[in-house]
Amino acid sequence: TCVAAPVPDEMPAFRLPFDARTEVICTHGPGVGSHGWMNAFFA
């Protein structure tokens, strides 16, 4: 189904949930696979 979502600049400001000494790799982006679900779409 089509779900409305706010534009990101209307959201609180977040930062990467790791510190500057830690490098992490993105292995799964928004909207694909199990991130297609309504509660995980932008995960």
PDB file of all heavy atoms in Angstrom:
ATOM      1  N   THR A   1       0.840  -1.180   0.000  1.00  0.00           N
ATOM      2  CA  THR A   1       0.000   0.000   0.000  1.00  0.00           C
ATOM      3  C   THR A   1       0.882   1.240   0.000  1.00  0.00           C
ATOM      4  O   THR A   1       2.050   1.184   0.381  1.00  0.00           O
ATOM      5  CB  THR A   1      -0.938   0.015   1.235  1.00  0.00           C
ATOM      6  OG1 THR A   1      -1.896   1.063   1.104  1.00  0.00           O
ATOM      7  CG2 THR A   1      -0.158   0.199   2.513  1.00  0.00           C
ATOM      8  N   CYS A   2       0.329   2.354  -0.430  1.00  0.00           N
ATOM      9  CA  CYS A   2       1.050   3.621  -0.431  1.00  0.00           C
ATOM     10  C   CYS A   2       0.895   4.283   0.936  1.00  0.00           C
ATOM     11  O   CYS A   2      -0.223   4.426   1.435  1.00  0.00           O
ATOM     12  CB  CYS A   2       0.515   4.546  -1.517  1.00  0.00           C
ATOM     13  SG  CYS A   2       0.822   3.967  -3.201  1.00  0.00           S
ATOM     14  N   VAL A   3       2.020   4.673   1.515  1.00  0.00           N
ATOM     15  CA  VAL A   3       2.030   5.258   2.851  1.00  0.00           C
ATOM     16  C   VAL A   3       2.686   6.633   2.767  1.00  0.00           C
ATOM     17  O   VAL A   3       3.762   6.788   2.183  1.00  0.00           O
ATOM     18  CB  VAL A   3       2.803   4.368   3.837  1.00  0.00           C
ATOM     19  CG1 VAL A   3       2.849   5.005   5.220  1.00  0.00           C
ATOM     20  CG2 VAL A   3       2.163   2.981   3.917  1.00  0.00           C
ATOM     21  N   ALA A   4       2.022   7.630   3.348  1.00  0.00           N
ATOM     22  CA  ALA A   4       2.583   8.972   3.374  1.00  0.00           C
ATOM     23  C   ALA A   4       3.679   9.052   4.426  1.00  0.00           C
ATOM     24  O   ALA A   4       3.589   8.439   5.485  1.00  0.00           O
ATOM     25  CB  ALA A   4       1.490  10.003   3.670  1.00  0.00           C
ATOM     26  N   ALA A   5       4.727   9.805   4.132  1.00  0.00           N
ATOM     27  CA  ALA A   5       5.825   9.989   5.085  1.00  0.00           C
ATOM     28  C   ALA A   5       6.262  11.446   5.060  1.00  0.00           C
ATOM     29  O   ALA A   5       6.247  12.094   4.010  1.00  0.00           O
ATOM     30  CB  ALA A   5       6.997   9.079   4.728  1.00  0.00           C
ATOM     31  N   PRO A   6       6.663  11.984   6.211  1.00  0.00           N
ATOM     32  CA  PRO A   6       7.128  13.376   6.236  1.00  0.00           C
ATOM     33  C   PRO A   6       8.462  13.502   5.517  1.00  0.00           C
ATOM     34  O   PRO A   6       9.178  12.517   5.324  1.00  0.00           O
ATOM     35  CB  PRO A   6       7.288  13.661   7.736  1.00  0.00           C
ATOM     36  CG  PRO A   6       7.558  12.321   8.342  1.00  0.00           C
ATOM     37  CD  PRO A   6       6.749  11.349   7.533  1.00  0.00           C
ATOM     38  N   VAL A   7       8.802  14.709   5.121  1.00  0.00           N
ATOM     39  CA  VAL A   7      10.122  14.922   4.538  1.00  0.00           C
ATOM     40  C   VAL A   7      11.138  14.894   5.668  1.00  0.00           C
ATOM     41  O   VAL A   7      10.843  15.267   6.806  1.00  0.00           O
ATOM     42  CB  VAL A   7      10.198  16.248   3.751  1.00  0.00           C
ATOM     43  CG1 VAL A   7       9.260  16.214   2.567  1.00  0.00           C
ATOM     44  CG2 VAL A   7       9.877  17.434   4.649  1.00  0.00           C
ATOM     45  N   PRO A   8      12.377  14.439   5.400  1.00  0.00           N
ATOM     46  CA  PRO A   8      13.341  14.249   6.484  1.00  0.00           C
ATOM     47  C   PRO A   8      13.650  15.492   7.297  1.00  0.00           C
ATOM     48  O   PRO A   8      13.925  15.396   8.491  1.00  0.00           O
ATOM     49  CB  PRO A   8      14.581  13.734   5.747  1.00  0.00           C
ATOM     50  CG  PRO A   8      14.049  13.067   4.532  1.00  0.00           C
ATOM     51  CD  PRO A   8      12.868  13.893   4.126  1.00  0.00           C
ATOM     52  N   ASP A   9      13.619  16.699   6.685  1.00  0.00           N
ATOM     53  CA  ASP A   9      13.983  17.878   7.460  1.00  0.00           C
ATOM     54  C   ASP A   9      12.887  18.287   8.449  1.00  0.00           C
ATOM     55  O   ASP A   9      13.071  19.228   9.227  1.00  0.00           O
ATOM     56  CB  ASP A   9      14.379  19.046   6.558  1.00  0.00           C
ATOM     57  CG  ASP A   9      13.274  19.504   5.627  1.00  0.00           C
ATOM     58  OD1 ASP A   9      12.128  19.029   5.782  1.00  0.00           O
ATOM     59  OD2 ASP A   9      13.553  20.325   4.744  1.00  0.00           O
ATOM     60  N   GLU A  10      11.757  17.587   8.452  1.00  0.00           N
ATOM     61  CA  GLU A  10      10.743  17.803   9.471  1.00  0.00           C
ATOM     62  C   GLU A  10      10.967  16.902  10.681  1.00  0.00           C
ATOM     63  O   GLU A  10      10.242  17.000  11.675  1.00  0.00           O
ATOM     64  CB  GLU A  10       9.344  17.542   8.891  1.00  0.00           C
ATOM     65  CG  GLU A  10       8.939  18.531   7.794  1.00  0.00           C
ATOM     66  CD  GLU A  10       7.617  18.157   7.142  1.00  0.00           C
ATOM     67  OE1 GLU A  10       7.078  17.073   7.478  1.00  0.00           O
ATOM     68  OE2 GLU A  10       7.143  18.938   6.304  1.00  0.00           O
ATOM     69  N   MET A  11      11.956  16.013  10.605  1.00  0.00           N
ATOM     70  CA  MET A  11      12.222  15.059  11.659  1.00  0.00           C
ATOM     71  C   MET A  11      13.281  15.600  12.622  1.00  0.00           C
ATOM     72  O   MET A  11      14.022  16.526  12.287  1.00  0.00           O
ATOM     73  CB  MET A  11      12.722  13.749  11.048  1.00  0.00           C
ATOM     74  CG  MET A  11      11.724  13.081  10.113  1.00  0.00           C
ATOM     75  SD  MET A  11      10.230  12.627  10.999  1.00  0.00           S
ATOM     76  CE  MET A  11      10.946  11.516  12.216  1.00  0.00           C
ATOM     77  N   PRO A  12      13.366  15.009  13.831  1.00  0.00           N
ATOM     78  CA  PRO A  12      14.472  15.384  14.727  1.00  0.00           C
ATOM     79  C   PRO A  12      15.823  15.118  14.066  1.00  0.00           C
ATOM     80  O   PRO A  12      15.931  14.292  13.152  1.00  0.00           O
ATOM     81  CB  PRO A  12      14.261  14.457  15.937  1.00  0.00           C
ATOM     82  CG  PRO A  12      12.830  14.047  15.876  1.00  0.00           C
ATOM     83  CD  PRO A  12      12.473  14.003  14.423  1.00  0.00           C
ATOM     84  N   ALA A  13      16.847  15.810  14.515  1.00  0.00           N
ATOM     85  CA  ALA A  13      18.192  15.605  13.978  1.00  0.00           C
ATOM     86  C   ALA A  13      18.826  14.388  14.647  1.00  0.00           C
ATOM     87  O   ALA A  13      18.837  14.283  15.879  1.00  0.00           O
ATOM     88  CB  ALA A  13      19.047  16.842  14.224  1.00  0.00           C
ATOM     89  N   PHE A  14      19.334  13.478  13.834  1.00  0.00           N
ATOM     90  CA  PHE A  14      19.997  12.289  14.340  1.00  0.00           C
ATOM     91  C   PHE A  14      21.447  12.279  13.876  1.00  0.00           C
ATOM     92  O   PHE A  14      21.842  13.036  12.994  1.00  0.00           O
ATOM     93  CB  PHE A  14      19.289  11.019  13.835  1.00  0.00           C
ATOM     94  CG  PHE A  14      17.875  10.896  14.313  1.00  0.00           C
ATOM     95  CD1 PHE A  14      16.817  11.300  13.506  1.00  0.00           C
ATOM     96  CD2 PHE A  14      17.597  10.386  15.562  1.00  0.00           C
ATOM     97  CE1 PHE A  14      15.510  11.202  13.950  1.00  0.00           C
ATOM     98  CE2 PHE A  14      16.289  10.288  16.018  1.00  0.00           C
ATOM     99  CZ  PHE A  14      15.249  10.690  15.210  1.00  0.00           C
ATOM    100  N   ARG A  15      22.226  11.399  14.506  1.00  0.00           N
ATOM    101  CA  ARG A  15      23.578  11.185  14.044  1.00  0.00           C
ATOM    102  C   ARG A  15      23.853   9.688  14.022  1.00  0.00           C
ATOM    103  O   ARG A  15      23.112   8.898  14.623  1.00  0.00           O
ATOM    104  CB  ARG A  15      24.576  11.915  14.939  1.00  0.00           C
ATOM    105  CG  ARG A  15      24.684  11.412  16.353  1.00  0.00           C
ATOM    106  CD  ARG A  15      25.499  12.400  17.175  1.00  0.00           C
ATOM    107  NE  ARG A  15      26.180  11.764  18.295  1.00  0.00           N
ATOM    108  CZ  ARG A  15      26.941  12.419  19.165  1.00  0.00           C
ATOM    109  NH1 ARG A  15      27.104  13.734  19.042  1.00  0.00           N
ATOM    110  NH2 ARG A  15      27.537  11.793  20.136  1.00  0.00           N
ATOM    111  N   LEU A  16      24.880   9.289  13.297  1.00  0.00           N
ATOM    112  CA  LEU A  16      25.206   7.874  13.206  1.00  0.00           C
ATOM    113  C   LEU A  16      25.339   7.289  14.617  1.00  0.00           C
ATOM    114  O   LEU A  16      25.980   7.888  15.477  1.00  0.00           O
ATOM    115  CB  LEU A  16      26.522   7.699  12.446  1.00  0.00           C
ATOM    116  CG  LEU A  16      26.878   6.255  12.082  1.00  0.00           C
ATOM    117  CD1 LEU A  16      26.071   5.794  10.886  1.00  0.00           C
ATOM    118  CD2 LEU A  16      28.367   6.115  11.805  1.00  0.00           C
ATOM    119  N   PRO A  17      24.733   6.122  14.875  1.00  0.00           N
ATOM    120  CA  PRO A  17      24.762   5.571  16.232  1.00  0.00           C
ATOM    121  C   PRO A  17      26.065   4.851  16.592  1.00  0.00           C
ATOM    122  O   PRO A  17      26.054   3.816  17.279  1.00  0.00           O
ATOM    123  CB  PRO A  17      23.564   4.615  16.230  1.00  0.00           C
ATOM    124  CG  PRO A  17      23.422   4.196  14.818  1.00  0.00           C
ATOM    125  CD  PRO A  17      23.801   5.390  13.998  1.00  0.00           C
ATOM    126  N   PHE A  18      27.179   5.394  16.127  1.00  0.00           N
ATOM    127  CA  PHE A  18      28.518   4.913  16.477  1.00  0.00           C
ATOM    128  C   PHE A  18      29.417   6.135  16.628  1.00  0.00           C
ATOM    129  O   PHE A  18      29.105   7.212  16.122  1.00  0.00           O
ATOM    130  CB  PHE A  18      29.078   3.995  15.387  1.00  0.00           C
ATOM    131  CG  PHE A  18      28.262   2.752  15.154  1.00  0.00           C
ATOM    132  CD1 PHE A  18      27.282   2.714  14.166  1.00  0.00           C
ATOM    133  CD2 PHE A  18      28.462   1.617  15.925  1.00  0.00           C
ATOM    134  CE1 PHE A  18      26.517   1.578  13.952  1.00  0.00           C
ATOM    135  CE2 PHE A  18      27.700   0.472  15.720  1.00  0.00           C
ATOM    136  CZ  PHE A  18      26.729   0.453  14.730  1.00  0.00           C
ATOM    137  N   ASP A  19      30.569   5.966  17.289  1.00  0.00           N
ATOM    138  CA  ASP A  19      31.442   7.111  17.470  1.00  0.00           C
ATOM    139  C   ASP A  19      32.389   7.280  16.281  1.00  0.00           C
ATOM    140  O   ASP A  19      32.407   6.476  15.339  1.00  0.00           O
ATOM    141  CB  ASP A  19      32.206   7.021  18.800  1.00  0.00           C
ATOM    142  CG  ASP A  19      33.142   5.828  18.877  1.00  0.00           C
ATOM    143  OD1 ASP A  19      33.631   5.357  17.830  1.00  0.00           O
ATOM    144  OD2 ASP A  19      33.389   5.356  20.001  1.00  0.00           O
ATOM    145  N   ALA A  20      33.188   8.353  16.337  1.00  0.00           N
ATOM    146  CA  ALA A  20      34.037   8.706  15.208  1.00  0.00           C
ATOM    147  C   ALA A  20      35.193   7.734  14.996  1.00  0.00           C
ATOM    148  O   ALA A  20      35.795   7.707  13.929  1.00  0.00           O
ATOM    149  CB  ALA A  20      34.572  10.128  15.399  1.00  0.00           C
ATOM    150  N   ARG A  21      35.512   6.938  15.999  1.00  0.00           N
ATOM    151  CA  ARG A  21      36.602   5.967  15.865  1.00  0.00           C
ATOM    152  C   ARG A  21      36.146   4.663  15.227  1.00  0.00           C
ATOM    153  O   ARG A  21      36.965   3.807  14.897  1.00  0.00           O
ATOM    154  CB  ARG A  21      37.209   5.671  17.241  1.00  0.00           C
ATOM    155  CG  ARG A  21      37.846   6.881  17.917  1.00  0.00           C
ATOM    156  CD  ARG A  21      38.130   6.588  19.374  1.00  0.00           C
ATOM    157  NE  ARG A  21      36.881   6.383  20.111  1.00  0.00           N
ATOM    158  CZ  ARG A  21      36.819   6.096  21.413  1.00  0.00           C
ATOM    159  NH1 ARG A  21      37.934   5.979  22.117  1.00  0.00           N
ATOM    160  NH2 ARG A  21      35.648   5.928  22.008  1.00  0.00           N
ATOM    161  N   THR A  22      34.849   4.503  15.065  1.00  0.00           N
ATOM    162  CA  THR A  22      34.286   3.236  14.612  1.00  0.00           C
ATOM    163  C   THR A  22      33.817   3.338  13.171  1.00  0.00           C
ATOM    164  O   THR A  22      32.975   4.188  12.844  1.00  0.00           O
ATOM    165  CB  THR A  22      33.099   2.832  15.508  1.00  0.00           C
ATOM    166  OG1 THR A  22      33.540   2.743  16.864  1.00  0.00           O
ATOM    167  CG2 THR A  22      32.511   1.509  15.074  1.00  0.00           C
ATOM    168  N   GLU A  23      34.352   2.490  12.311  1.00  0.00           N
ATOM    169  CA  GLU A  23      33.870   2.422  10.938  1.00  0.00           C
ATOM    170  C   GLU A  23      32.900   1.256  10.802  1.00  0.00           C
ATOM    171  O   GLU A  23      33.176   0.146  11.243  1.00  0.00           O
ATOM    172  CB  GLU A  23      35.021   2.226   9.956  1.00  0.00           C
ATOM    173  CG  GLU A  23      34.543   2.195   8.498  1.00  0.00           C
ATOM    174  CD  GLU A  23      35.676   2.081   7.498  1.00  0.00           C
ATOM    175  OE1 GLU A  23      36.212   0.961   7.355  1.00  0.00           O
ATOM    176  OE2 GLU A  23      36.027   3.108   6.886  1.00  0.00           O
ATOM    177  N   VAL A  24      31.755   1.539  10.213  1.00  0.00           N
ATOM    178  CA  VAL A  24      30.767   0.501   9.935  1.00  0.00           C
ATOM    179  C   VAL A  24      30.425   0.530   8.453  1.00  0.00           C
ATOM    180  O   VAL A  24      30.631   1.535   7.771  1.00  0.00           O
ATOM    181  CB  VAL A  24      29.489   0.682  10.789  1.00  0.00           C
ATOM    182  CG1 VAL A  24      29.782   0.404  12.252  1.00  0.00           C
ATOM    183  CG2 VAL A  24      28.885   2.059  10.608  1.00  0.00           C
ATOM    184  N   ILE A  25      29.915  -0.580   7.977  1.00  0.00           N
ATOM    185  CA  ILE A  25      29.586  -0.738   6.569  1.00  0.00           C
ATOM    186  C   ILE A  25      28.082  -0.925   6.440  1.00  0.00           C
ATOM    187  O   ILE A  25      27.487  -1.724   7.180  1.00  0.00           O
ATOM    188  CB  ILE A  25      30.345  -1.934   5.962  1.00  0.00           C
ATOM    189  CG1 ILE A  25      31.854  -1.696   6.083  1.00  0.00           C
ATOM    190  CG2 ILE A  25      29.949  -2.153   4.502  1.00  0.00           C
ATOM    191  CD1 ILE A  25      32.695  -2.911   5.800  1.00  0.00           C
ATOM    192  N   CYS A  26      27.450  -0.199   5.538  1.00  0.00           N
ATOM    193  CA  CYS A  26      26.022  -0.383   5.287  1.00  0.00           C
ATOM    194  C   CYS A  26      25.837  -1.651   4.468  1.00  0.00           C
ATOM    195  O   CYS A  26      26.360  -1.761   3.354  1.00  0.00           O
ATOM    196  CB  CYS A  26      25.450   0.819   4.546  1.00  0.00           C
ATOM    197  SG  CYS A  26      23.678   0.635   4.205  1.00  0.00           S
ATOM    198  N   THR A  27      25.126  -2.628   5.024  1.00  0.00           N
ATOM    199  CA  THR A  27      24.906  -3.895   4.329  1.00  0.00           C
ATOM    200  C   THR A  27      23.488  -4.055   3.804  1.00  0.00           C
ATOM    201  O   THR A  27      23.201  -5.002   3.079  1.00  0.00           O
ATOM    202  CB  THR A  27      25.220  -5.082   5.262  1.00  0.00           C
ATOM    203  OG1 THR A  27      24.324  -5.063   6.375  1.00  0.00           O
ATOM    204  CG2 THR A  27      26.657  -5.025   5.754  1.00  0.00           C
ATOM    205  N   HIS A  28      22.579  -3.142   4.165  1.00  0.00           N
ATOM    206  CA  HIS A  28      21.173  -3.276   3.743  1.00  0.00           C
ATOM    207  C   HIS A  28      20.527  -1.912   3.874  1.00  0.00           C
ATOM    208  O   HIS A  28      20.433  -1.361   4.971  1.00  0.00           O
ATOM    209  CB  HIS A  28      20.476  -4.298   4.639  1.00  0.00           C
ATOM    210  CG  HIS A  28      19.112  -4.712   4.182  1.00  0.00           C
ATOM    211  ND1 HIS A  28      18.433  -5.769   4.763  1.00  0.00           N
ATOM    212  CD2 HIS A  28      18.295  -4.231   3.222  1.00  0.00           C
ATOM    213  CE1 HIS A  28      17.254  -5.915   4.180  1.00  0.00           C
ATOM    214  NE2 HIS A  28      17.141  -4.986   3.238  1.00  0.00           N
ATOM    215  N   GLY A  29      20.120  -1.347   2.762  1.00  0.00           N
ATOM    216  CA  GLY A  29      19.565  -0.009   2.749  1.00  0.00           C
ATOM    217  C   GLY A  29      18.053   0.022   2.777  1.00  0.00           C
ATOM    218  O   GLY A  29      17.383  -1.003   2.922  1.00  0.00           O
ATOM    219  N   PRO A  30      17.479   1.214   2.626  1.00  0.00           N
ATOM    220  CA  PRO A  30      16.030   1.383   2.720  1.00  0.00           C
ATOM    221  C   PRO A  30      15.264   0.740   1.568  1.00  0.00           C
ATOM    222  O   PRO A  30      15.729   0.701   0.424  1.00  0.00           O
ATOM    223  CB  PRO A  30      15.854   2.906   2.687  1.00  0.00           C
ATOM    224  CG  PRO A  30      17.178   3.461   3.129  1.00  0.00           C
ATOM    225  CD  PRO A  30      18.190   2.512   2.575  1.00  0.00           C
ATOM    226  N   GLY A  31      14.078   0.216   1.879  1.00  0.00           N
ATOM    227  CA  GLY A  31      13.086  -0.146   0.878  1.00  0.00           C
ATOM    228  C   GLY A  31      13.269  -1.448   0.151  1.00  0.00           C
ATOM    229  O   GLY A  31      12.472  -1.759  -0.741  1.00  0.00           O
ATOM    230  N   VAL A  32      14.270  -2.260   0.497  1.00  0.00           N
ATOM    231  CA  VAL A  32      14.495  -3.519  -0.224  1.00  0.00           C
ATOM    232  C   VAL A  32      14.491  -4.686   0.750  1.00  0.00           C
ATOM    233  O   VAL A  32      14.797  -4.539   1.933  1.00  0.00           O
ATOM    234  CB  VAL A  32      15.820  -3.499  -1.010  1.00  0.00           C
ATOM    235  CG1 VAL A  32      15.795  -2.417  -2.072  1.00  0.00           C
ATOM    236  CG2 VAL A  32      17.006  -3.330  -0.083  1.00  0.00           C
ATOM    237  N   GLY A  33      14.155  -5.890   0.227  1.00  0.00           N
ATOM    238  CA  GLY A  33      14.151  -7.085   1.053  1.00  0.00           C
ATOM    239  C   GLY A  33      13.246  -6.922   2.257  1.00  0.00           C
ATOM    240  O   GLY A  33      12.122  -6.437   2.154  1.00  0.00           O
ATOM    241  N   SER A  34      13.740  -7.317   3.424  1.00  0.00           N
ATOM    242  CA  SER A  34      12.938  -7.197   4.643  1.00  0.00           C
ATOM    243  C   SER A  34      12.731  -5.747   5.053  1.00  0.00           C
ATOM    244  O   SER A  34      11.935  -5.459   5.948  1.00  0.00           O
ATOM    245  CB  SER A  34      13.595  -7.975   5.791  1.00  0.00           C
ATOM    246  OG  SER A  34      14.907  -7.509   6.022  1.00  0.00           O
ATOM    247  N   HIS A  35      13.416  -4.806   4.394  1.00  0.00           N
ATOM    248  CA  HIS A  35      13.182  -3.386   4.648  1.00  0.00           C
ATOM    249  C   HIS A  35      12.069  -2.826   3.753  1.00  0.00           C
ATOM    250  O   HIS A  35      11.920  -1.622   3.639  1.00  0.00           O
ATOM    251  CB  HIS A  35      14.462  -2.575   4.451  1.00  0.00           C
ATOM    252  CG  HIS A  35      15.513  -2.851   5.479  1.00  0.00           C
ATOM    253  ND1 HIS A  35      16.707  -2.176   5.509  1.00  0.00           N
ATOM    254  CD2 HIS A  35      15.557  -3.727   6.505  1.00  0.00           C
ATOM    255  CE1 HIS A  35      17.444  -2.634   6.505  1.00  0.00           C
ATOM    256  NE2 HIS A  35      16.764  -3.579   7.127  1.00  0.00           N
ATOM    257  N   GLY A  36      11.301  -3.692   3.132  1.00  0.00           N
ATOM    258  CA  GLY A  36      10.136  -3.242   2.389  1.00  0.00           C
ATOM    259  C   GLY A  36       8.908  -3.086   3.265  1.00  0.00           C
ATOM    260  O   GLY A  36       7.909  -2.506   2.831  1.00  0.00           O
ATOM    261  N   TRP A  37       8.969  -3.589   4.515  1.00  0.00           N
ATOM    262  CA  TRP A  37       7.813  -3.535   5.395  1.00  0.00           C
ATOM    263  C   TRP A  37       7.586  -2.127   5.941  1.00  0.00           C
ATOM    264  O   TRP A  37       8.521  -1.351   6.084  1.00  0.00           O
ATOM    265  CB  TRP A  37       7.968  -4.525   6.553  1.00  0.00           C
ATOM    266  CG  TRP A  37       7.938  -5.942   6.082  1.00  0.00           C
ATOM    267  CD1 TRP A  37       9.007  -6.697   5.697  1.00  0.00           C
ATOM    268  CD2 TRP A  37       6.787  -6.755   5.897  1.00  0.00           C
ATOM    269  NE1 TRP A  37       8.589  -7.935   5.293  1.00  0.00           N
ATOM    270  CE2 TRP A  37       7.226  -8.003   5.404  1.00  0.00           C
ATOM    271  CE3 TRP A  37       5.416  -6.565   6.111  1.00  0.00           C
ATOM    272  CZ2 TRP A  37       6.354  -9.053   5.125  1.00  0.00           C
ATOM    273  CZ3 TRP A  37       4.543  -7.611   5.828  1.00  0.00           C
ATOM    274  CH2 TRP A  37       5.017  -8.833   5.342  1.00  0.00           C
ATOM    275  N   MET A  38       6.343  -1.842   6.283  1.00  0.00           N
ATOM    276  CA  MET A  38       5.946  -0.495   6.697  1.00  0.00           C
ATOM    277  C   MET A  38       6.713  -0.026   7.927  1.00  0.00           C
ATOM    278  O   MET A  38       6.968   1.166   8.092  1.00  0.00           O
ATOM    279  CB  MET A  38       4.440  -0.451   6.975  1.00  0.00           C
ATOM    280  CG  MET A  38       3.905   0.935   7.294  1.00  0.00           C
ATOM    281  SD  MET A  38       2.096   0.985   7.404  1.00  0.00           S
ATOM    282  CE  MET A  38       1.826   0.030   8.892  1.00  0.00           C
ATOM    283  N   ASN A  39       7.116  -0.960   8.820  1.00  0.00           N
ATOM    284  CA  ASN A  39       7.807  -0.540  10.030  1.00  0.00           C
ATOM    285  C   ASN A  39       9.322  -0.608   9.897  1.00  0.00           C
ATOM    286  O   ASN A  39      10.032  -0.404  10.879  1.00  0.00           O
ATOM    287  CB  ASN A  39       7.344  -1.371  11.231  1.00  0.00           C
ATOM    288  CG  ASN A  39       7.522  -2.858  11.013  1.00  0.00           C
ATOM    289  OD1 ASN A  39       8.166  -3.284  10.066  1.00  0.00           O
ATOM    290  ND2 ASN A  39       6.947  -3.659  11.885  1.00  0.00           N
ATOM    291  N   ALA A  40       9.823  -0.876   8.675  1.00  0.00           N
ATOM    292  CA  ALA A  40      11.276  -0.960   8.474  1.00  0.00           C
ATOM    293  C   ALA A  40      11.712  -0.338   7.150  1.00  0.00           C
ATOM    294  O   ALA A  40      12.861  -0.483   6.760  1.00  0.00           O
ATOM    295  CB  ALA A  40      11.729  -2.417   8.531  1.00  0.00           C
ATOM    296  N   PHE A  41      10.818   0.372   6.476  1.00  0.00           N
ATOM    297  CA  PHE A  41      11.075   0.794   5.097  1.00  0.00           C
ATOM    298  C   PHE A  41      12.319   1.670   4.964  1.00  0.00           C
ATOM    299  O   PHE A  41      13.086   1.540   4.016  1.00  0.00           O
ATOM    300  CB  PHE A  41       9.856   1.538   4.556  1.00  0.00           C
ATOM    301  CG  PHE A  41       9.913   1.787   3.075  1.00  0.00           C
ATOM    302  CD1 PHE A  41       9.463   0.832   2.180  1.00  0.00           C
ATOM    303  CD2 PHE A  41      10.412   2.977   2.563  1.00  0.00           C
ATOM    304  CE1 PHE A  41       9.514   1.046   0.813  1.00  0.00           C
ATOM    305  CE2 PHE A  41      10.478   3.204   1.209  1.00  0.00           C
ATOM    306  CZ  PHE A  41      10.026   2.230   0.324  1.00  0.00           C
ATOM    307  N   PHE A  42      12.535   2.571   5.912  1.00  0.00           N
ATOM    308  CA  PHE A  42      13.683   3.489   5.834  1.00  0.00           C
ATOM    309  C   PHE A  42      14.848   3.044   6.725  1.00  0.00           C
ATOM    310  O   PHE A  42      15.772   3.813   6.970  1.00  0.00           O
ATOM    311  CB  PHE A  42      13.250   4.911   6.207  1.00  0.00           C
ATOM    312  CG  PHE A  42      12.257   5.501   5.255  1.00  0.00           C
ATOM    313  CD1 PHE A  42      10.918   5.579   5.592  1.00  0.00           C
ATOM    314  CD2 PHE A  42      12.651   5.958   4.005  1.00  0.00           C
ATOM    315  CE1 PHE A  42       9.983   6.116   4.702  1.00  0.00           C
ATOM    316  CE2 PHE A  42      11.729   6.498   3.110  1.00  0.00           C
ATOM    317  CZ  PHE A  42      10.390   6.573   3.465  1.00  0.00           C
ATOM    318  N   ALA A  43      14.812   1.803   7.191  1.00  0.00           N
ATOM    319  CA  ALA A  43      15.860   1.298   8.077  1.00  0.00           C
ATOM    320  C   ALA A  43      17.177   1.099   7.333  1.00  0.00           C
ATOM    321  O   ALA A  43      17.218   0.906   6.115  1.00  0.00           O
ATOM    322  CB  ALA A  43      15.416  -0.022   8.704  1.00  0.00           C
TER     323      ALA A  43
END
